[in-house]
Amino acid sequence: MANRPTFKGTLELTAELLGAMKKAGANERGHYTLEIAVWPNTRGTSERSPTHTGPIKVKGQQDSPVAYASFWVNDGEATGSASADDLF
């Protein structure tokens, strides 16, 4: 899988999440921080379905609006585990 990233993903951000992120303000480095948690996508309907999906929220805000992330693992295994020819 040369020249392919190990992980590829998309983020589907909502206007509400962007507003909450702006309201929370930037961190000490001037960056806005989101929290993403993804799990294996057990409901994938095709080979092109993301291997992992999960919510996105503003870091540290329990009542943050939620958006969604989709990730694909490019190691040939849907679970994201190490491939059989991995040396480590």
Protein backbone atom coordinates (compact mmCIF):
# COMPACT_ATOMS: atom_id res chain seq x y z
CA MET A 1 0.00 0.00 0.00
CA ALA A 2 2.83 2.38 -0.82
CA ASN A 3 1.92 6.04 -1.19
CA ARG A 4 -1.42 5.55 0.56
CA PRO A 5 -2.04 7.06 3.99
CA THR A 6 -2.63 4.62 6.83
CA PHE A 7 -5.84 6.43 7.71
CA LYS A 8 -8.09 8.61 5.60
CA GLY A 9 -11.09 10.46 6.94
CA THR A 10 -13.84 12.98 6.52
CA LEU A 11 -15.45 15.29 9.03
CA GLU A 12 -19.04 16.44 8.68
CA LEU A 13 -19.18 19.63 10.76
CA THR A 14 -22.42 21.44 11.50
CA ALA A 15 -22.97 25.18 11.87
CA GLU A 16 -23.92 24.55 15.51
CA LEU A 17 -20.61 22.80 16.20
CA LEU A 18 -18.63 25.55 14.49
CA GLY A 19 -20.48 28.16 16.58
CA ALA A 20 -19.76 26.26 19.81
CA MET A 21 -16.11 25.93 18.81
CA LYS A 22 -15.87 29.67 18.18
CA LYS A 23 -17.61 30.41 21.50
CA ALA A 24 -15.17 28.11 23.36
CA GLY A 25 -12.27 30.08 21.88
CA ALA A 26 -8.79 29.13 20.81
CA ASN A 27 -6.31 27.30 23.03
CA GLU A 28 -2.96 28.73 24.19
CA ARG A 29 -1.44 28.03 20.76
CA GLY A 30 -4.27 29.77 18.91
CA HIS A 31 -5.89 26.52 17.74
CA TYR A 32 -9.47 25.34 18.12
CA THR A 33 -9.71 21.85 19.59
CA LEU A 34 -12.27 19.20 18.72
CA GLU A 35 -12.59 15.76 20.29
CA ILE A 36 -13.16 12.78 17.99
CA ALA A 37 -13.92 9.22 19.07
CA VAL A 38 -14.31 6.48 16.44
CA TRP A 39 -15.27 2.83 16.67
CA PRO A 40 -15.32 0.05 14.07
CA ASN A 41 -18.27 0.49 11.73
CA THR A 42 -20.16 -2.77 12.20
CA ARG A 43 -23.06 -1.59 10.03
CA GLY A 44 -21.04 -1.02 6.85
CA THR A 45 -23.28 -1.61 3.87
CA SER A 46 -20.60 -1.88 1.20
CA GLU A 47 -16.85 -2.22 0.68
CA ARG A 48 -16.70 1.56 0.33
CA SER A 49 -18.30 2.18 3.74
CA PRO A 50 -15.98 3.75 6.32
CA THR A 51 -14.18 1.25 8.53
CA HIS A 52 -14.65 3.51 11.58
CA THR A 53 -17.24 6.16 12.49
CA GLY A 54 -18.00 8.30 15.50
CA PRO A 55 -18.94 11.66 16.99
CA ILE A 56 -17.06 14.96 17.00
CA LYS A 57 -17.57 17.57 19.72
CA VAL A 58 -15.83 20.59 21.20
CA LYS A 59 -13.18 19.35 23.63
CA GLY A 60 -14.15 19.76 27.26
CA GLN A 61 -17.82 20.58 26.61
CA GLN A 62 -20.23 17.87 27.72
CA ASP A 63 -23.19 19.66 26.16
CA SER A 64 -21.40 20.38 22.88
CA PRO A 65 -23.33 20.00 19.63
CA VAL A 66 -22.30 16.78 17.86
CA ALA A 67 -21.05 16.27 14.32
CA TYR A 68 -19.70 13.06 12.76
CA ALA A 69 -16.43 11.57 11.52
CA SER A 70 -15.80 8.74 9.07
CA PHE A 71 -12.40 7.05 8.76
CA TRP A 72 -11.00 4.41 6.47
CA VAL A 73 -8.04 2.17 7.36
CA ASN A 74 -5.90 1.46 4.30
CA ASP A 75 -4.21 -1.70 5.55
CA GLY A 76 -6.64 -4.06 3.84
CA GLU A 77 -8.36 -5.07 7.08
CA ALA A 78 -11.68 -3.55 8.15
CA THR A 79 -10.82 -3.73 11.85
CA GLY A 80 -7.65 -1.68 11.56
CA SER A 81 -5.43 -4.34 13.14
CA ALA A 82 -1.85 -4.89 11.97
CA SER A 83 -1.47 -6.77 8.72
CA ALA A 84 0.09 -10.24 8.61
CA ASP A 85 3.32 -8.94 7.03
CA ASP A 86 3.83 -6.23 9.67
CA LEU A 87 7.27 -6.61 11.25
CA PHE A 88 6.20 -5.26 14.63
